[in-house]
Amino acid sequence: MNVLLQLRDVTAGYVGDIDILRGVNVTVTEGAITGLIGLNGAGKSTIMKTICGFLPPKSGSITLEGHNITGIAPHAVIDCGIFYIPQESSLFVHMSVDDNLRLPLEHLSRRTGGPSREAVAERFDKLFEKFPVLRERRRNKVGDLSGGQQKMVEFAKAWLVRPRLCLIDEPSIGLAPKVAEEVYQWIDLIAAERTAILLVDHNVRRVVRMSSYIYVLSLGEITAEGPPEAFQGDLHQQVKAWLGINF
């Protein structure tokens, strides 16, 4: 498969000379799910923020199809075909579900000339087939929805946009088990559109099961990587070793 996104020797941090990421190399291939696992504080979300331009790297490079996007302005990320579903909500709670869903499409229409009005209408029809709850709630303010329903709107936005790459950061955290299971179905919906996905999730077994390639991040460095076959056997013990845990 062709390389879509590549991080080469990326070092980044929030304060002074304290580096959260140190020489990170990650490759995401077209149309595939790439998993990223590690303990809290390992730097997983920092990788996402660095890709999206919220945290320009101190050194190294980030390329999309060979084009340098290192330090890209966050508002321009979607123009490159990258969509970010953060761990925290990115929704406008005082706006309706429908308006939240339309915002990124309107942005793309203004800046890149597409998709067309007809294409948008067709996507909405199909969207409500896949997310029927949102058809019933489309006029409701997002702030009146449950946490699980708000997360559904986040994924519905990504499905509507049809990005080349979707960055998904801890999508199931804080959700009830039943809703968390639905989250993984929504990820499958996005992947079915041949969208490449970089997935961060605390459910290690689920990430391994869904991904075609997995990276292990520990204290800002990649300590292991490989296809799912490399993560068979006693996964708990393997991950403990890769993360440097000695208990």
C-alpha atoms as a PDB file:
ATOM      1  CA  MET A   1       0.000   0.000   0.000  1.00  0.00           C
ATOM      2  CA  ASN A   2       1.104   3.560  -0.679  1.00  0.00           C
ATOM      3  CA  VAL A   3       2.379   5.788   2.105  1.00  0.00           C
ATOM      4  CA  LEU A   4      -0.069   8.586   2.929  1.00  0.00           C
ATOM      5  CA  LEU A   5       1.334  10.236   6.070  1.00  0.00           C
ATOM      6  CA  GLN A   6       4.843  10.022   7.413  1.00  0.00           C
ATOM      7  CA  LEU A   7       6.457  11.406  10.561  1.00  0.00           C
ATOM      8  CA  ARG A   8      10.256  11.387  10.368  1.00  0.00           C
ATOM      9  CA  ASP A   9      12.364  11.921  13.493  1.00  0.00           C
ATOM     10  CA  VAL A  10       9.749  14.232  15.026  1.00  0.00           C
ATOM     11  CA  THR A  11      10.681  15.877  18.307  1.00  0.00           C
ATOM     12  CA  ALA A  12       8.156  18.148  20.020  1.00  0.00           C
ATOM     13  CA  GLY A  13       7.276  19.557  23.431  1.00  0.00           C
ATOM     14  CA  TYR A  14       5.096  22.144  25.106  1.00  0.00           C
ATOM     15  CA  VAL A  15       7.539  23.906  27.440  1.00  0.00           C
ATOM     16  CA  GLY A  16      11.110  25.016  26.879  1.00  0.00           C
ATOM     17  CA  ASP A  17      13.551  22.166  26.445  1.00  0.00           C
ATOM     18  CA  ILE A  18      11.184  19.469  27.779  1.00  0.00           C
ATOM     19  CA  ASP A  19      10.504  17.125  24.877  1.00  0.00           C
ATOM     20  CA  ILE A  20       7.336  15.006  24.928  1.00  0.00           C
ATOM     21  CA  LEU A  21       8.131  13.346  21.592  1.00  0.00           C
ATOM     22  CA  ARG A  22      11.692  12.294  20.815  1.00  0.00           C
ATOM     23  CA  GLY A  23      12.652  11.204  17.321  1.00  0.00           C
ATOM     24  CA  VAL A  24       9.272   9.657  16.493  1.00  0.00           C
ATOM     25  CA  ASN A  25       8.851   7.810  13.184  1.00  0.00           C
ATOM     26  CA  VAL A  26       5.321   6.779  12.184  1.00  0.00           C
ATOM     27  CA  THR A  27       3.940   5.813   8.776  1.00  0.00           C
ATOM     28  CA  VAL A  28       0.244   5.675   7.848  1.00  0.00           C
ATOM     29  CA  THR A  29      -0.671   3.908   4.611  1.00  0.00           C
ATOM     30  CA  GLU A  30      -3.584   4.704   2.326  1.00  0.00           C
ATOM     31  CA  GLY A  31      -6.935   3.159   3.204  1.00  0.00           C
ATOM     32  CA  ALA A  32      -5.649   1.337   6.292  1.00  0.00           C
ATOM     33  CA  ILE A  33      -6.060   1.626  10.056  1.00  0.00           C
ATOM     34  CA  THR A  34      -2.797   2.301  11.890  1.00  0.00           C
ATOM     35  CA  GLY A  35      -2.898   1.821  15.649  1.00  0.00           C
ATOM     36  CA  LEU A  36      -0.989   3.757  18.300  1.00  0.00           C
ATOM     37  CA  ILE A  37      -0.901   2.405  21.858  1.00  0.00           C
ATOM     38  CA  GLY A  38       0.821   3.468  25.054  1.00  0.00           C
ATOM     39  CA  LEU A  39       0.300   4.514  28.663  1.00  0.00           C
ATOM     40  CA  ASN A  40      -1.274   7.836  29.658  1.00  0.00           C
ATOM     41  CA  GLY A  41       1.327  10.543  29.209  1.00  0.00           C
ATOM     42  CA  ALA A  42       3.305   8.599  26.606  1.00  0.00           C
ATOM     43  CA  GLY A  43       2.700  11.296  23.991  1.00  0.00           C
ATOM     44  CA  LYS A  44      -0.071   9.754  21.864  1.00  0.00           C
ATOM     45  CA  SER A  45      -2.298  12.848  21.854  1.00  0.00           C
ATOM     46  CA  THR A  46       0.786  14.999  21.325  1.00  0.00           C
ATOM     47  CA  ILE A  47       1.422  13.154  18.064  1.00  0.00           C
ATOM     48  CA  MET A  48      -2.105  14.014  16.939  1.00  0.00           C
ATOM     49  CA  LYS A  49      -1.724  17.674  17.902  1.00  0.00           C
ATOM     50  CA  THR A  50       1.642  17.862  16.159  1.00  0.00           C
ATOM     51  CA  ILE A  51       0.218  16.466  12.922  1.00  0.00           C
ATOM     52  CA  CYS A  52      -2.621  19.019  13.088  1.00  0.00           C
ATOM     53  CA  GLY A  53      -0.329  22.003  13.630  1.00  0.00           C
ATOM     54  CA  PHE A  54      -1.409  22.766  17.192  1.00  0.00           C
ATOM     55  CA  LEU A  55       2.141  21.963  18.301  1.00  0.00           C
ATOM     56  CA  PRO A  56       4.823  22.623  15.651  1.00  0.00           C
ATOM     57  CA  PRO A  57       7.706  20.146  16.044  1.00  0.00           C
ATOM     58  CA  LYS A  58      11.118  21.355  17.152  1.00  0.00           C
ATOM     59  CA  SER A  59      12.737  19.070  14.599  1.00  0.00           C
ATOM     60  CA  GLY A  60      11.841  16.391  12.090  1.00  0.00           C
ATOM     61  CA  SER A  61       9.226  16.499   9.362  1.00  0.00           C
ATOM     62  CA  ILE A  62       5.634  15.519   8.638  1.00  0.00           C
ATOM     63  CA  THR A  63       4.659  14.757   5.041  1.00  0.00           C
ATOM     64  CA  LEU A  64       1.340  13.971   3.387  1.00  0.00           C
ATOM     65  CA  GLU A  65       1.834  12.105   0.117  1.00  0.00           C
ATOM     66  CA  GLY A  66       5.376  13.423   0.103  1.00  0.00           C
ATOM     67  CA  HIS A  67       4.321  17.069   0.575  1.00  0.00           C
ATOM     68  CA  ASN A  68       5.707  18.791   3.647  1.00  0.00           C
ATOM     69  CA  ILE A  69       2.922  19.802   6.063  1.00  0.00           C
ATOM     70  CA  THR A  70       5.170  20.318   9.094  1.00  0.00           C
ATOM     71  CA  GLY A  71       3.708  23.029  11.301  1.00  0.00           C
ATOM     72  CA  ILE A  72       0.645  23.506   9.101  1.00  0.00           C
ATOM     73  CA  ALA A  73      -1.935  26.005  10.369  1.00  0.00           C
ATOM     74  CA  PRO A  74      -4.638  24.031  12.220  1.00  0.00           C
ATOM     75  CA  HIS A  75      -7.470  25.615  10.223  1.00  0.00           C
ATOM     76  CA  ALA A  76      -5.860  24.415   6.984  1.00  0.00           C
ATOM     77  CA  VAL A  77      -5.571  20.762   8.006  1.00  0.00           C
ATOM     78  CA  ILE A  78      -9.033  19.862   6.716  1.00  0.00           C
ATOM     79  CA  ASP A  79      -8.146  21.424   3.346  1.00  0.00           C
ATOM     80  CA  CYS A  80      -5.403  18.802   3.017  1.00  0.00           C
ATOM     81  CA  GLY A  81      -7.888  15.995   3.532  1.00  0.00           C
ATOM     82  CA  ILE A  82      -7.143  15.402   7.229  1.00  0.00           C
ATOM     83  CA  PHE A  83      -9.957  15.246   9.795  1.00  0.00           C
ATOM     84  CA  TYR A  84      -9.355  15.148  13.547  1.00  0.00           C
ATOM     85  CA  ILE A  85     -11.710  13.593  16.120  1.00  0.00           C
ATOM     86  CA  PRO A  86     -10.162  14.706  19.414  1.00  0.00           C
ATOM     87  CA  GLN A  87     -10.598  13.084  22.795  1.00  0.00           C
ATOM     88  CA  GLU A  88     -12.448  16.177  24.006  1.00  0.00           C
ATOM     89  CA  SER A  89     -15.504  17.521  22.164  1.00  0.00           C
ATOM     90  CA  SER A  90     -15.003  19.799  19.161  1.00  0.00           C
ATOM     91  CA  LEU A  91     -18.728  20.526  18.781  1.00  0.00           C
ATOM     92  CA  PHE A  92     -20.549  23.841  19.152  1.00  0.00           C
ATOM     93  CA  VAL A  93     -23.003  23.002  21.910  1.00  0.00           C
ATOM     94  CA  HIS A  94     -25.345  25.954  21.312  1.00  0.00           C
ATOM     95  CA  MET A  95     -25.793  25.046  17.643  1.00  0.00           C
ATOM     96  CA  SER A  96     -28.052  22.349  16.241  1.00  0.00           C
ATOM     97  CA  VAL A  97     -26.864  18.900  15.236  1.00  0.00           C
ATOM     98  CA  ASP A  98     -27.588  19.795  11.609  1.00  0.00           C
ATOM     99  CA  ASP A  99     -25.514  22.990  11.747  1.00  0.00           C
ATOM    100  CA  ASN A 100     -22.596  21.176  13.399  1.00  0.00           C
ATOM    101  CA  LEU A 101     -22.659  18.559  10.654  1.00  0.00           C
ATOM    102  CA  ARG A 102     -22.746  21.157   7.876  1.00  0.00           C
ATOM    103  CA  LEU A 103     -19.954  23.406   9.172  1.00  0.00           C
ATOM    104  CA  PRO A 104     -16.953  21.453   7.798  1.00  0.00           C
ATOM    105  CA  LEU A 105     -18.698  20.913   4.456  1.00  0.00           C
ATOM    106  CA  GLU A 106     -19.413  24.635   4.131  1.00  0.00           C
ATOM    107  CA  HIS A 107     -15.772  25.340   4.985  1.00  0.00           C
ATOM    108  CA  LEU A 108     -14.587  22.987   2.244  1.00  0.00           C
ATOM    109  CA  SER A 109     -17.018  24.464  -0.274  1.00  0.00           C
ATOM    110  CA  ARG A 110     -15.626  27.947   0.360  1.00  0.00           C
ATOM    111  CA  ARG A 111     -11.955  26.980   0.354  1.00  0.00           C
ATOM    112  CA  THR A 112     -11.682  24.061  -2.054  1.00  0.00           C
ATOM    113  CA  GLY A 113     -14.816  24.277  -4.199  1.00  0.00           C
ATOM    114  CA  GLY A 114     -16.452  21.050  -3.113  1.00  0.00           C
ATOM    115  CA  PRO A 115     -18.396  18.948  -2.505  1.00  0.00           C
ATOM    116  CA  SER A 116     -21.345  20.172  -4.582  1.00  0.00           C
ATOM    117  CA  ARG A 117     -24.758  20.941  -3.080  1.00  0.00           C
ATOM    118  CA  GLU A 118     -26.156  17.817  -4.743  1.00  0.00           C
ATOM    119  CA  ALA A 119     -23.363  15.675  -3.323  1.00  0.00           C
ATOM    120  CA  VAL A 120     -23.961  17.105   0.155  1.00  0.00           C
ATOM    121  CA  ALA A 121     -27.690  16.313  -0.032  1.00  0.00           C
ATOM    122  CA  GLU A 122     -26.919  12.754  -1.125  1.00  0.00           C
ATOM    123  CA  ARG A 123     -24.414  12.287   1.685  1.00  0.00           C
ATOM    124  CA  PHE A 124     -26.935  13.507   4.262  1.00  0.00           C
ATOM    125  CA  ASP A 125     -29.532  11.025   3.017  1.00  0.00           C
ATOM    126  CA  LYS A 126     -27.041   8.179   3.393  1.00  0.00           C
ATOM    127  CA  LEU A 127     -25.780   9.566   6.698  1.00  0.00           C
ATOM    128  CA  PHE A 128     -29.204   9.347   8.300  1.00  0.00           C
ATOM    129  CA  GLU A 129     -29.488   5.738   7.135  1.00  0.00           C
ATOM    130  CA  LYS A 130     -26.295   4.929   9.011  1.00  0.00           C
ATOM    131  CA  PHE A 131     -26.971   7.218  12.010  1.00  0.00           C
ATOM    132  CA  PRO A 132     -30.802   7.183  12.312  1.00  0.00           C
ATOM    133  CA  VAL A 133     -30.716   8.720  15.791  1.00  0.00           C
ATOM    134  CA  LEU A 134     -29.318  11.906  14.281  1.00  0.00           C
ATOM    135  CA  ARG A 135     -32.253  12.227  11.910  1.00  0.00           C
ATOM    136  CA  GLU A 136     -34.525  12.433  14.940  1.00  0.00           C
ATOM    137  CA  ARG A 137     -32.177  14.843  16.746  1.00  0.00           C
ATOM    138  CA  ARG A 138     -30.997  16.989  13.831  1.00  0.00           C
ATOM    139  CA  ARG A 139     -32.842  20.128  15.033  1.00  0.00           C
ATOM    140  CA  ASN A 140     -31.767  19.682  18.659  1.00  0.00           C
ATOM    141  CA  LYS A 141     -28.946  21.679  20.179  1.00  0.00           C
ATOM    142  CA  VAL A 142     -25.862  19.528  20.542  1.00  0.00           C
ATOM    143  CA  GLY A 143     -25.626  20.525  24.211  1.00  0.00           C
ATOM    144  CA  ASP A 144     -28.930  18.752  24.846  1.00  0.00           C
ATOM    145  CA  LEU A 145     -27.582  15.412  23.608  1.00  0.00           C
ATOM    146  CA  SER A 146     -26.066  12.672  25.752  1.00  0.00           C
ATOM    147  CA  GLY A 147     -22.300  12.164  25.742  1.00  0.00           C
ATOM    148  CA  GLY A 148     -22.637   9.144  23.476  1.00  0.00           C
ATOM    149  CA  GLN A 149     -24.857  11.028  21.036  1.00  0.00           C
ATOM    150  CA  GLN A 150     -22.376  13.896  20.911  1.00  0.00           C
ATOM    151  CA  LYS A 151     -19.617  11.440  20.084  1.00  0.00           C
ATOM    152  CA  MET A 152     -21.866  10.092  17.328  1.00  0.00           C
ATOM    153  CA  VAL A 153     -22.087  13.602  15.838  1.00  0.00           C
ATOM    154  CA  GLU A 154     -18.272  13.777  15.807  1.00  0.00           C
ATOM    155  CA  PHE A 155     -18.064  10.572  13.798  1.00  0.00           C
ATOM    156  CA  ALA A 156     -20.949  11.563  11.549  1.00  0.00           C
ATOM    157  CA  LYS A 157     -19.057  14.758  10.661  1.00  0.00           C
ATOM    158  CA  ALA A 158     -16.017  12.717   9.680  1.00  0.00           C
ATOM    159  CA  TRP A 159     -18.144  10.366   7.581  1.00  0.00           C
ATOM    160  CA  LEU A 160     -19.712  13.326   5.759  1.00  0.00           C
ATOM    161  CA  VAL A 161     -16.387  14.990   4.990  1.00  0.00           C
ATOM    162  CA  ARG A 162     -14.805  11.819   3.522  1.00  0.00           C
ATOM    163  CA  PRO A 163     -11.216  12.804   4.408  1.00  0.00           C
ATOM    164  CA  ARG A 164      -8.108  11.070   3.097  1.00  0.00           C
ATOM    165  CA  LEU A 165      -6.955  10.604   6.698  1.00  0.00           C
ATOM    166  CA  CYS A 166      -8.910  10.590   9.961  1.00  0.00           C
ATOM    167  CA  LEU A 167      -7.077  11.027  13.266  1.00  0.00           C
ATOM    168  CA  ILE A 168      -9.089   9.451  16.101  1.00  0.00           C
ATOM    169  CA  ASP A 169      -7.942  10.082  19.675  1.00  0.00           C
ATOM    170  CA  GLU A 170      -9.331   7.912  22.517  1.00  0.00           C
ATOM    171  CA  PRO A 171     -12.853   7.695  21.071  1.00  0.00           C
ATOM    172  CA  SER A 172     -14.299   5.318  23.676  1.00  0.00           C
ATOM    173  CA  ILE A 173     -12.907   6.840  26.847  1.00  0.00           C
ATOM    174  CA  GLY A 174     -15.541   7.799  29.426  1.00  0.00           C
ATOM    175  CA  LEU A 175     -18.357   6.089  27.518  1.00  0.00           C
ATOM    176  CA  ALA A 176     -20.593   3.268  28.717  1.00  0.00           C
ATOM    177  CA  PRO A 177     -19.541  -0.153  27.336  1.00  0.00           C
ATOM    178  CA  LYS A 178     -22.556  -0.346  25.018  1.00  0.00           C
ATOM    179  CA  VAL A 179     -21.797   3.060  23.507  1.00  0.00           C
ATOM    180  CA  ALA A 180     -18.082   2.278  23.311  1.00  0.00           C
ATOM    181  CA  GLU A 181     -18.931  -0.781  21.217  1.00  0.00           C
ATOM    182  CA  GLU A 182     -20.903   1.459  18.858  1.00  0.00           C
ATOM    183  CA  VAL A 183     -17.863   3.721  18.520  1.00  0.00           C
ATOM    184  CA  TYR A 184     -15.883   0.895  16.965  1.00  0.00           C
ATOM    185  CA  GLN A 185     -18.719   0.315  14.498  1.00  0.00           C
ATOM    186  CA  TRP A 186     -18.530   4.002  13.535  1.00  0.00           C
ATOM    187  CA  ILE A 187     -14.794   3.624  12.967  1.00  0.00           C
ATOM    188  CA  ASP A 188     -15.557   0.721  10.634  1.00  0.00           C
ATOM    189  CA  LEU A 189     -18.016   2.951   8.725  1.00  0.00           C
ATOM    190  CA  ILE A 190     -15.300   5.533   8.123  1.00  0.00           C
ATOM    191  CA  ALA A 191     -12.750   2.876   7.187  1.00  0.00           C
ATOM    192  CA  ALA A 192     -15.233   1.402   4.693  1.00  0.00           C
ATOM    193  CA  GLU A 193     -14.930   4.646   2.687  1.00  0.00           C
ATOM    194  CA  ARG A 194     -11.224   3.833   2.164  1.00  0.00           C
ATOM    195  CA  THR A 195     -10.261   6.559   4.614  1.00  0.00           C
ATOM    196  CA  ALA A 196      -6.897   5.993   6.284  1.00  0.00           C
ATOM    197  CA  ILE A 197      -7.141   6.114  10.081  1.00  0.00           C
ATOM    198  CA  LEU A 198      -4.593   6.762  12.811  1.00  0.00           C
ATOM    199  CA  LEU A 199      -6.263   5.335  15.906  1.00  0.00           C
ATOM    200  CA  VAL A 200      -5.335   5.967  19.536  1.00  0.00           C
ATOM    201  CA  ASP A 201      -7.323   3.994  22.103  1.00  0.00           C
ATOM    202  CA  HIS A 202      -6.724   2.587  25.591  1.00  0.00           C
ATOM    203  CA  ASN A 203      -8.354  -0.698  24.544  1.00  0.00           C
ATOM    204  CA  VAL A 204      -5.151  -2.338  23.343  1.00  0.00           C
ATOM    205  CA  ARG A 205      -6.723  -5.573  22.157  1.00  0.00           C
ATOM    206  CA  ARG A 206      -9.300  -3.705  20.109  1.00  0.00           C
ATOM    207  CA  VAL A 207      -6.626  -1.521  18.481  1.00  0.00           C
ATOM    208  CA  VAL A 208      -4.578  -4.601  17.582  1.00  0.00           C
ATOM    209  CA  ARG A 209      -7.664  -6.337  16.186  1.00  0.00           C
ATOM    210  CA  MET A 210      -8.693  -3.379  14.018  1.00  0.00           C
ATOM    211  CA  SER A 211      -5.293  -2.190  12.786  1.00  0.00           C
ATOM    212  CA  SER A 212      -3.121  -3.395   9.932  1.00  0.00           C
ATOM    213  CA  TYR A 213      -0.020  -1.982  11.642  1.00  0.00           C
ATOM    214  CA  ILE A 214       0.590  -0.948  15.257  1.00  0.00           C
ATOM    215  CA  TYR A 215       3.066   1.343  17.018  1.00  0.00           C
ATOM    216  CA  VAL A 216       3.857   1.260  20.741  1.00  0.00           C
ATOM    217  CA  LEU A 217       4.787   4.620  22.264  1.00  0.00           C
ATOM    218  CA  SER A 218       6.554   4.882  25.614  1.00  0.00           C
ATOM    219  CA  LEU A 219       7.853   8.133  27.130  1.00  0.00           C
ATOM    220  CA  GLY A 220       7.766   9.858  23.766  1.00  0.00           C
ATOM    221  CA  GLU A 221       9.598   7.172  21.802  1.00  0.00           C
ATOM    222  CA  ILE A 222       8.434   4.316  19.583  1.00  0.00           C
ATOM    223  CA  THR A 223       9.539   1.185  21.449  1.00  0.00           C
ATOM    224  CA  ALA A 224       7.898  -1.466  19.244  1.00  0.00           C
ATOM    225  CA  GLU A 225       5.984  -1.737  15.991  1.00  0.00           C
ATOM    226  CA  GLY A 226       4.633  -4.358  13.646  1.00  0.00           C
ATOM    227  CA  PRO A 227       1.578  -5.988  12.058  1.00  0.00           C
ATOM    228  CA  PRO A 228      -1.107  -7.626  14.219  1.00  0.00           C
ATOM    229  CA  GLU A 229       0.696 -10.974  13.937  1.00  0.00           C
ATOM    230  CA  ALA A 230       3.530  -9.518  16.018  1.00  0.00           C
ATOM    231  CA  PHE A 231       1.081  -8.848  18.841  1.00  0.00           C
ATOM    232  CA  GLN A 232      -0.173 -12.388  19.367  1.00  0.00           C
ATOM    233  CA  GLY A 233       0.347 -14.529  22.453  1.00  0.00           C
ATOM    234  CA  ASP A 234       0.406 -12.936  25.889  1.00  0.00           C
ATOM    235  CA  LEU A 235      -0.359  -9.406  24.752  1.00  0.00           C
ATOM    236  CA  HIS A 236      -0.462  -8.114  28.325  1.00  0.00           C
ATOM    237  CA  GLN A 237       3.094  -9.243  29.008  1.00  0.00           C
ATOM    238  CA  GLN A 238       4.323  -8.015  25.614  1.00  0.00           C
ATOM    239  CA  VAL A 239       2.944  -4.536  26.112  1.00  0.00           C
ATOM    240  CA  LYS A 240       4.347  -4.368  29.654  1.00  0.00           C
ATOM    241  CA  ALA A 241       7.791  -5.195  28.278  1.00  0.00           C
ATOM    242  CA  TRP A 242       7.539  -2.709  25.417  1.00  0.00           C
ATOM    243  CA  LEU A 243       6.394   0.041  27.762  1.00  0.00           C
ATOM    244  CA  GLY A 244       9.129  -0.737  30.280  1.00  0.00           C
ATOM    245  CA  ILE A 245       6.778  -1.809  33.052  1.00  0.00           C
ATOM    246  CA  ASN A 246       8.349  -4.149  35.614  1.00  0.00           C
ATOM    247  CA  PHE A 247       5.412  -5.260  37.753  1.00  0.00           C
END
